[in-house]
Amino acid sequence: MKAFCLGIDLRKLLSIYVSVYVLLFIAGNLIWILPGLTQPLFILLLFRWSIFFLLFITVFFQNRFKSVLLLLVLLDVLVSFISFFSNFKEVIYFSFLAYWVFGFGVADTVAKTAKTENIDLVVILAGIIAAIIWNLFTWWKGIPSSSSHTLIGGFAGAAIAHAGFNVVNWFKPAKEGDLFPSGVLVVIAFIVLAPLIGMIISYFVSLWLMYSSRKSIYPKLFTIALMLAVAWFLSTVLTP
């Protein structure tokens, strides 16, 4: 796959990006922790950075580089790696802003997979490694999958192996103000329900669009938009 009209292979571009970004990311973090750095701590941090970055890369593979936003971020960081510290400040700023604007609902759900008092570094690393392996396998075989659900399953399996089935938060009733209950069983249920809910909603939306505007120009516009959407899907998503 080529990047825009430049004839650049995105996989080669990714290799350059990985090499540059990992080196700069490690160097930037070492500056902050260098005064109290010890060799075991350095090895632990290096391993942690590598694992989390590898998980980040598998998300790129899962999306087959089709996300324009991710592609723009990749290209921006690649061409501006010299101003890394400026970009690092921007990342911190926008990450902080995103917390106040959008919150961390999905991340909070993943973090509550198991009881925190029974979780240690080994469990976290095992869950992340399992998620990486499964993400790469599904990308390799072309199987649609969710990285968030993979992380939840990875953490749940690692927690069960570490402290038994009771350590997993299987089900919690909905609290005041919550729309749904929480827990791993609810996540599993919505893996099945989400496609069905989307299908039902889209069915009624389509009926409303088609039957509420029979005598106007909207059906023609809807048909044209649908044809363009199908053409875009066939030319981009299904094109290797």
C-alpha atoms as a PDB file:
ATOM      1  CA  MET A   1       0.000   0.000   0.000  1.00  0.00           C
ATOM      2  CA  LYS A   2       1.350   3.403  -0.980  1.00  0.00           C
ATOM      3  CA  ALA A   3       1.213   6.634   1.009  1.00  0.00           C
ATOM      4  CA  PHE A   4      -0.860   9.149  -0.940  1.00  0.00           C
ATOM      5  CA  CYS A   5       0.860   9.789  -4.313  1.00  0.00           C
ATOM      6  CA  LEU A   6       4.429   9.646  -3.050  1.00  0.00           C
ATOM      7  CA  GLY A   7       4.953   5.985  -3.927  1.00  0.00           C
ATOM      8  CA  ILE A   8       6.166   5.241  -0.394  1.00  0.00           C
ATOM      9  CA  ASP A   9       5.523   1.785   0.997  1.00  0.00           C
ATOM     10  CA  LEU A  10       3.763   2.296   4.328  1.00  0.00           C
ATOM     11  CA  ARG A  11       5.375  -0.802   5.803  1.00  0.00           C
ATOM     12  CA  LYS A  12       8.828   0.647   5.148  1.00  0.00           C
ATOM     13  CA  LEU A  13       7.587   3.952   6.491  1.00  0.00           C
ATOM     14  CA  LEU A  14       6.396   2.193   9.624  1.00  0.00           C
ATOM     15  CA  SER A  15       9.795   0.549  10.107  1.00  0.00           C
ATOM     16  CA  ILE A  16      11.499   3.945  10.003  1.00  0.00           C
ATOM     17  CA  TYR A  17       8.858   5.382  12.312  1.00  0.00           C
ATOM     18  CA  VAL A  18       9.260   2.578  14.832  1.00  0.00           C
ATOM     19  CA  SER A  19      13.046   2.923  14.940  1.00  0.00           C
ATOM     20  CA  VAL A  20      13.045   6.704  15.317  1.00  0.00           C
ATOM     21  CA  TYR A  21      10.120   6.943  17.709  1.00  0.00           C
ATOM     22  CA  VAL A  22      11.285   4.193  20.068  1.00  0.00           C
ATOM     23  CA  LEU A  23      14.752   5.728  20.386  1.00  0.00           C
ATOM     24  CA  LEU A  24      13.393   9.213  20.989  1.00  0.00           C
ATOM     25  CA  PHE A  25      10.684   8.003  23.350  1.00  0.00           C
ATOM     26  CA  ILE A  26      13.207   6.140  25.496  1.00  0.00           C
ATOM     27  CA  ALA A  27      15.643   9.059  25.439  1.00  0.00           C
ATOM     28  CA  GLY A  28      12.926  11.526  26.388  1.00  0.00           C
ATOM     29  CA  ASN A  29      11.758   9.418  29.325  1.00  0.00           C
ATOM     30  CA  LEU A  30      15.298   8.734  30.546  1.00  0.00           C
ATOM     31  CA  ILE A  31      15.886  12.456  30.942  1.00  0.00           C
ATOM     32  CA  TRP A  32      13.067  12.619  33.478  1.00  0.00           C
ATOM     33  CA  ILE A  33      14.129   9.584  35.550  1.00  0.00           C
ATOM     34  CA  LEU A  34      17.908   9.601  35.030  1.00  0.00           C
ATOM     35  CA  PRO A  35      18.898  10.878  38.511  1.00  0.00           C
ATOM     36  CA  GLY A  36      17.480   7.805  40.273  1.00  0.00           C
ATOM     37  CA  LEU A  37      18.029   5.306  37.490  1.00  0.00           C
ATOM     38  CA  THR A  38      19.353   1.851  38.303  1.00  0.00           C
ATOM     39  CA  GLN A  39      20.053  -1.012  35.931  1.00  0.00           C
ATOM     40  CA  PRO A  40      17.065  -3.185  37.034  1.00  0.00           C
ATOM     41  CA  LEU A  41      14.754  -0.178  36.778  1.00  0.00           C
ATOM     42  CA  PHE A  42      16.086   0.634  33.312  1.00  0.00           C
ATOM     43  CA  ILE A  43      15.494  -2.936  32.122  1.00  0.00           C
ATOM     44  CA  LEU A  44      11.973  -2.916  33.556  1.00  0.00           C
ATOM     45  CA  LEU A  45      11.121   0.433  31.967  1.00  0.00           C
ATOM     46  CA  LEU A  46      12.621  -0.591  28.639  1.00  0.00           C
ATOM     47  CA  PHE A  47      10.556  -3.790  28.643  1.00  0.00           C
ATOM     48  CA  ARG A  48       7.425  -1.885  29.607  1.00  0.00           C
ATOM     49  CA  TRP A  49       7.919   0.696  26.839  1.00  0.00           C
ATOM     50  CA  SER A  50       8.554  -2.050  24.296  1.00  0.00           C
ATOM     51  CA  ILE A  51       5.428  -3.993  25.262  1.00  0.00           C
ATOM     52  CA  PHE A  52       3.125  -0.977  25.204  1.00  0.00           C
ATOM     53  CA  PHE A  53       4.581   0.299  21.941  1.00  0.00           C
ATOM     54  CA  LEU A  54       4.217  -3.127  20.340  1.00  0.00           C
ATOM     55  CA  LEU A  55       0.569  -3.151  21.384  1.00  0.00           C
ATOM     56  CA  PHE A  56       0.209   0.287  19.780  1.00  0.00           C
ATOM     57  CA  ILE A  57       1.721  -1.029  16.551  1.00  0.00           C
ATOM     58  CA  THR A  58      -0.632  -4.020  16.438  1.00  0.00           C
ATOM     59  CA  VAL A  59      -3.541  -1.587  16.494  1.00  0.00           C
ATOM     60  CA  PHE A  60      -2.065  -0.025  13.324  1.00  0.00           C
ATOM     61  CA  PHE A  61      -1.929  -3.470  11.707  1.00  0.00           C
ATOM     62  CA  GLN A  62      -5.477  -4.226  12.838  1.00  0.00           C
ATOM     63  CA  ASN A  63      -6.748  -1.096  11.085  1.00  0.00           C
ATOM     64  CA  ARG A  64      -4.628  -1.851   7.972  1.00  0.00           C
ATOM     65  CA  PHE A  65      -3.521   1.798   7.969  1.00  0.00           C
ATOM     66  CA  LYS A  66      -6.956   2.801   6.733  1.00  0.00           C
ATOM     67  CA  SER A  67      -7.510   5.362   9.471  1.00  0.00           C
ATOM     68  CA  VAL A  68      -6.667   8.762   8.037  1.00  0.00           C
ATOM     69  CA  LEU A  69      -6.138  10.213  11.502  1.00  0.00           C
ATOM     70  CA  LEU A  70      -3.627   7.548  12.497  1.00  0.00           C
ATOM     71  CA  LEU A  71      -1.845   7.908   9.171  1.00  0.00           C
ATOM     72  CA  LEU A  72      -1.556  11.675   9.588  1.00  0.00           C
ATOM     73  CA  VAL A  73      -0.190  11.259  13.102  1.00  0.00           C
ATOM     74  CA  LEU A  74       2.329   8.692  11.842  1.00  0.00           C
ATOM     75  CA  LEU A  75       3.536  10.946   9.035  1.00  0.00           C
ATOM     76  CA  ASP A  76       3.622  14.015  11.269  1.00  0.00           C
ATOM     77  CA  VAL A  77       5.764  12.340  13.911  1.00  0.00           C
ATOM     78  CA  LEU A  78       8.025  10.858  11.248  1.00  0.00           C
ATOM     79  CA  VAL A  79       8.818  14.141   9.494  1.00  0.00           C
ATOM     80  CA  SER A  80       9.059  16.177  12.706  1.00  0.00           C
ATOM     81  CA  PHE A  81      11.016  13.810  14.953  1.00  0.00           C
ATOM     82  CA  ILE A  82      13.714  16.465  15.432  1.00  0.00           C
ATOM     83  CA  SER A  83      11.231  18.530  17.457  1.00  0.00           C
ATOM     84  CA  PHE A  84      10.364  15.527  19.598  1.00  0.00           C
ATOM     85  CA  PHE A  85      10.134  17.358  22.886  1.00  0.00           C
ATOM     86  CA  SER A  86       7.716  19.877  21.405  1.00  0.00           C
ATOM     87  CA  ASN A  87       5.559  17.015  20.087  1.00  0.00           C
ATOM     88  CA  PHE A  88       5.827  15.272  23.450  1.00  0.00           C
ATOM     89  CA  LYS A  89       4.373  18.364  25.138  1.00  0.00           C
ATOM     90  CA  GLU A  90       1.553  18.414  22.593  1.00  0.00           C
ATOM     91  CA  VAL A  91       0.785  14.767  23.323  1.00  0.00           C
ATOM     92  CA  ILE A  92       0.614  15.498  27.055  1.00  0.00           C
ATOM     93  CA  TYR A  93      -1.583  18.560  26.451  1.00  0.00           C
ATOM     94  CA  PHE A  94      -4.081  16.857  24.149  1.00  0.00           C
ATOM     95  CA  SER A  95      -4.155  13.707  26.291  1.00  0.00           C
ATOM     96  CA  PHE A  96      -5.029  15.869  29.292  1.00  0.00           C
ATOM     97  CA  LEU A  97      -7.636  17.739  27.233  1.00  0.00           C
ATOM     98  CA  ALA A  98      -9.138  14.465  25.992  1.00  0.00           C
ATOM     99  CA  TYR A  99      -9.646  13.327  29.586  1.00  0.00           C
ATOM    100  CA  TRP A 100     -11.810  16.356  30.393  1.00  0.00           C
ATOM    101  CA  VAL A 101     -13.687  16.313  27.086  1.00  0.00           C
ATOM    102  CA  PHE A 102     -14.233  12.590  26.469  1.00  0.00           C
ATOM    103  CA  GLY A 103     -13.128  10.757  29.619  1.00  0.00           C
ATOM    104  CA  PHE A 104     -11.650   7.273  29.777  1.00  0.00           C
ATOM    105  CA  GLY A 105     -14.735   5.080  29.741  1.00  0.00           C
ATOM    106  CA  VAL A 106     -13.231   2.181  27.789  1.00  0.00           C
ATOM    107  CA  ALA A 107      -9.911   2.363  29.638  1.00  0.00           C
ATOM    108  CA  ASP A 108     -11.790   2.382  32.946  1.00  0.00           C
ATOM    109  CA  THR A 109     -13.710  -0.740  31.913  1.00  0.00           C
ATOM    110  CA  VAL A 110     -10.484  -2.521  30.963  1.00  0.00           C
ATOM    111  CA  ALA A 111      -8.845  -1.492  34.246  1.00  0.00           C
ATOM    112  CA  LYS A 112     -11.748  -2.926  36.260  1.00  0.00           C
ATOM    113  CA  THR A 113     -11.517  -6.383  34.683  1.00  0.00           C
ATOM    114  CA  ALA A 114     -10.088  -7.816  37.911  1.00  0.00           C
ATOM    115  CA  LYS A 115      -9.773  -6.739  41.532  1.00  0.00           C
ATOM    116  CA  THR A 116      -6.779  -4.429  41.776  1.00  0.00           C
ATOM    117  CA  GLU A 117      -5.486  -5.866  45.052  1.00  0.00           C
ATOM    118  CA  ASN A 118      -4.752  -9.146  43.270  1.00  0.00           C
ATOM    119  CA  ILE A 119      -3.031  -7.594  40.255  1.00  0.00           C
ATOM    120  CA  ASP A 120       0.715  -7.177  39.922  1.00  0.00           C
ATOM    121  CA  LEU A 121       3.169  -6.358  37.133  1.00  0.00           C
ATOM    122  CA  VAL A 122       3.335  -9.965  35.925  1.00  0.00           C
ATOM    123  CA  VAL A 123      -0.446 -10.113  35.420  1.00  0.00           C
ATOM    124  CA  ILE A 124      -0.463  -6.813  33.510  1.00  0.00           C
ATOM    125  CA  LEU A 125       2.405  -7.835  31.235  1.00  0.00           C
ATOM    126  CA  ALA A 126       0.864 -11.267  30.611  1.00  0.00           C
ATOM    127  CA  GLY A 127      -2.436  -9.675  29.607  1.00  0.00           C
ATOM    128  CA  ILE A 128      -0.769  -7.204  27.253  1.00  0.00           C
ATOM    129  CA  ILE A 129       1.417  -9.889  25.646  1.00  0.00           C
ATOM    130  CA  ALA A 130      -1.675 -12.053  25.098  1.00  0.00           C
ATOM    131  CA  ALA A 131      -3.459  -9.104  23.475  1.00  0.00           C
ATOM    132  CA  ILE A 132      -0.488  -8.470  21.177  1.00  0.00           C
ATOM    133  CA  ILE A 133      -0.339 -12.110  20.084  1.00  0.00           C
ATOM    134  CA  TRP A 134      -4.064 -12.253  19.370  1.00  0.00           C
ATOM    135  CA  ASN A 135      -4.060  -8.894  17.524  1.00  0.00           C
ATOM    136  CA  LEU A 136      -1.231 -10.039  15.275  1.00  0.00           C
ATOM    137  CA  PHE A 137      -2.891 -13.412  14.657  1.00  0.00           C
ATOM    138  CA  THR A 138      -6.248 -11.872  13.702  1.00  0.00           C
ATOM    139  CA  TRP A 139      -4.509  -9.323  11.457  1.00  0.00           C
ATOM    140  CA  TRP A 140      -2.525 -12.128   9.800  1.00  0.00           C
ATOM    141  CA  LYS A 141      -5.659 -14.219   9.200  1.00  0.00           C
ATOM    142  CA  GLY A 142      -7.861 -11.240   8.324  1.00  0.00           C
ATOM    143  CA  ILE A 143     -10.252 -11.821  11.230  1.00  0.00           C
ATOM    144  CA  PRO A 144     -12.165  -8.737  12.491  1.00  0.00           C
ATOM    145  CA  SER A 145     -11.509  -8.247  16.197  1.00  0.00           C
ATOM    146  CA  SER A 146     -11.545  -5.620  18.919  1.00  0.00           C
ATOM    147  CA  SER A 147      -8.342  -4.644  20.716  1.00  0.00           C
ATOM    148  CA  SER A 148     -10.326  -3.487  23.765  1.00  0.00           C
ATOM    149  CA  HIS A 149     -12.093  -6.839  24.123  1.00  0.00           C
ATOM    150  CA  THR A 150      -8.763  -8.597  23.585  1.00  0.00           C
ATOM    151  CA  LEU A 151      -7.195  -6.630  26.438  1.00  0.00           C
ATOM    152  CA  ILE A 152     -10.107  -7.440  28.743  1.00  0.00           C
ATOM    153  CA  GLY A 153      -9.823 -11.140  27.903  1.00  0.00           C
ATOM    154  CA  GLY A 154      -6.039 -11.059  28.321  1.00  0.00           C
ATOM    155  CA  PHE A 155      -6.233  -9.410  31.739  1.00  0.00           C
ATOM    156  CA  ALA A 156      -9.032 -11.744  32.845  1.00  0.00           C
ATOM    157  CA  GLY A 157      -7.105 -14.859  31.820  1.00  0.00           C
ATOM    158  CA  ALA A 158      -3.892 -13.656  33.466  1.00  0.00           C
ATOM    159  CA  ALA A 159      -5.758 -12.753  36.660  1.00  0.00           C
ATOM    160  CA  ILE A 160      -7.470 -16.167  36.780  1.00  0.00           C
ATOM    161  CA  ALA A 161      -4.131 -17.928  36.347  1.00  0.00           C
ATOM    162  CA  HIS A 162      -2.637 -15.753  39.094  1.00  0.00           C
ATOM    163  CA  ALA A 163      -5.374 -15.812  41.749  1.00  0.00           C
ATOM    164  CA  GLY A 164      -8.360 -17.883  40.576  1.00  0.00           C
ATOM    165  CA  PHE A 165     -11.791 -17.170  39.117  1.00  0.00           C
ATOM    166  CA  ASN A 166     -13.005 -15.092  42.063  1.00  0.00           C
ATOM    167  CA  VAL A 167     -10.510 -12.320  41.303  1.00  0.00           C
ATOM    168  CA  VAL A 168     -12.343 -11.330  38.096  1.00  0.00           C
ATOM    169  CA  ASN A 169     -15.171  -8.774  38.293  1.00  0.00           C
ATOM    170  CA  TRP A 170     -17.730 -10.900  36.486  1.00  0.00           C
ATOM    171  CA  PHE A 171     -20.841  -8.810  37.167  1.00  0.00           C
ATOM    172  CA  LYS A 172     -21.732  -5.653  39.070  1.00  0.00           C
ATOM    173  CA  PRO A 173     -25.258  -4.188  39.170  1.00  0.00           C
ATOM    174  CA  ALA A 174     -25.720  -0.750  37.659  1.00  0.00           C
ATOM    175  CA  LYS A 175     -25.084   2.085  40.077  1.00  0.00           C
ATOM    176  CA  GLU A 176     -27.200   5.206  40.301  1.00  0.00           C
ATOM    177  CA  GLY A 177     -26.698   7.186  37.107  1.00  0.00           C
ATOM    178  CA  ASP A 178     -25.308   4.240  35.130  1.00  0.00           C
ATOM    179  CA  LEU A 179     -27.194   2.997  32.097  1.00  0.00           C
ATOM    180  CA  PHE A 180     -25.890  -0.591  32.198  1.00  0.00           C
ATOM    181  CA  PRO A 181     -24.341  -2.938  34.759  1.00  0.00           C
ATOM    182  CA  SER A 182     -20.628  -3.616  34.522  1.00  0.00           C
ATOM    183  CA  GLY A 183     -18.332  -6.623  34.536  1.00  0.00           C
ATOM    184  CA  VAL A 184     -16.743  -9.109  32.178  1.00  0.00           C
ATOM    185  CA  LEU A 185     -20.040 -10.929  31.544  1.00  0.00           C
ATOM    186  CA  VAL A 186     -21.623  -7.672  30.364  1.00  0.00           C
ATOM    187  CA  VAL A 187     -18.696  -7.110  27.982  1.00  0.00           C
ATOM    188  CA  ILE A 188     -19.101 -10.645  26.619  1.00  0.00           C
ATOM    189  CA  ALA A 189     -22.850 -10.096  26.183  1.00  0.00           C
ATOM    190  CA  PHE A 190     -22.323  -6.914  24.177  1.00  0.00           C
ATOM    191  CA  ILE A 191     -19.920  -8.688  21.827  1.00  0.00           C
ATOM    192  CA  VAL A 192     -23.028 -10.527  20.618  1.00  0.00           C
ATOM    193  CA  LEU A 193     -25.548  -7.726  21.141  1.00  0.00           C
ATOM    194  CA  ALA A 194     -23.622  -4.853  19.520  1.00  0.00           C
ATOM    195  CA  PRO A 195     -23.935  -6.101  15.896  1.00  0.00           C
ATOM    196  CA  LEU A 196     -27.610  -6.927  16.460  1.00  0.00           C
ATOM    197  CA  ILE A 197     -28.321  -3.513  17.997  1.00  0.00           C
ATOM    198  CA  GLY A 198     -26.523  -1.788  15.124  1.00  0.00           C
ATOM    199  CA  MET A 199     -28.477  -3.832  12.582  1.00  0.00           C
ATOM    200  CA  ILE A 200     -31.836  -3.040  14.215  1.00  0.00           C
ATOM    201  CA  ILE A 201     -31.097   0.690  14.482  1.00  0.00           C
ATOM    202  CA  SER A 202     -29.864   0.906  10.887  1.00  0.00           C
ATOM    203  CA  TYR A 203     -32.956  -1.010   9.716  1.00  0.00           C
ATOM    204  CA  PHE A 204     -35.367   1.507  11.239  1.00  0.00           C
ATOM    205  CA  VAL A 205     -33.249   4.480  10.163  1.00  0.00           C
ATOM    206  CA  SER A 206     -33.298   3.169   6.585  1.00  0.00           C
ATOM    207  CA  LEU A 207     -37.076   2.673   6.725  1.00  0.00           C
ATOM    208  CA  TRP A 208     -37.537   6.198   8.023  1.00  0.00           C
ATOM    209  CA  LEU A 209     -35.319   7.681   5.314  1.00  0.00           C
ATOM    210  CA  MET A 210     -37.047   5.768   2.524  1.00  0.00           C
ATOM    211  CA  TYR A 211     -40.695   6.076   3.572  1.00  0.00           C
ATOM    212  CA  SER A 212     -40.749   9.537   5.146  1.00  0.00           C
ATOM    213  CA  SER A 213     -39.552  11.285   1.996  1.00  0.00           C
ATOM    214  CA  ARG A 214     -41.075   9.355  -0.914  1.00  0.00           C
ATOM    215  CA  LYS A 215     -42.350  12.479  -2.666  1.00  0.00           C
ATOM    216  CA  SER A 216     -39.206  14.515  -2.326  1.00  0.00           C
ATOM    217  CA  ILE A 217     -35.670  14.517  -3.647  1.00  0.00           C
ATOM    218  CA  TYR A 218     -34.279  12.852  -0.513  1.00  0.00           C
ATOM    219  CA  PRO A 219     -34.685   9.237  -1.751  1.00  0.00           C
ATOM    220  CA  LYS A 220     -32.543  10.051  -4.786  1.00  0.00           C
ATOM    221  CA  LEU A 221     -29.932  11.743  -2.611  1.00  0.00           C
ATOM    222  CA  PHE A 222     -29.989   8.777  -0.255  1.00  0.00           C
ATOM    223  CA  THR A 223     -29.527   6.351  -3.161  1.00  0.00           C
ATOM    224  CA  ILE A 224     -26.612   8.368  -4.543  1.00  0.00           C
ATOM    225  CA  ALA A 225     -24.982   8.568  -1.106  1.00  0.00           C
ATOM    226  CA  LEU A 226     -25.450   4.825  -0.630  1.00  0.00           C
ATOM    227  CA  MET A 227     -23.878   4.074  -4.028  1.00  0.00           C
ATOM    228  CA  LEU A 228     -20.920   6.351  -3.246  1.00  0.00           C
ATOM    229  CA  ALA A 229     -20.463   4.681   0.140  1.00  0.00           C
ATOM    230  CA  VAL A 230     -20.468   1.215  -1.439  1.00  0.00           C
ATOM    231  CA  ALA A 231     -18.025   2.361  -4.133  1.00  0.00           C
ATOM    232  CA  TRP A 232     -15.708   3.830  -1.495  1.00  0.00           C
ATOM    233  CA  PHE A 233     -15.914   0.636   0.553  1.00  0.00           C
ATOM    234  CA  LEU A 234     -15.068  -1.556  -2.437  1.00  0.00           C
ATOM    235  CA  SER A 235     -12.184   0.675  -3.573  1.00  0.00           C
ATOM    236  CA  THR A 236     -10.539   1.221  -0.187  1.00  0.00           C
ATOM    237  CA  VAL A 237     -11.499  -1.261   2.497  1.00  0.00           C
ATOM    238  CA  LEU A 238     -11.576  -4.332   0.255  1.00  0.00           C
ATOM    239  CA  THR A 239      -8.574  -3.331  -1.874  1.00  0.00           C
ATOM    240  CA  PRO A 240      -5.348  -4.905  -0.532  1.00  0.00           C
END
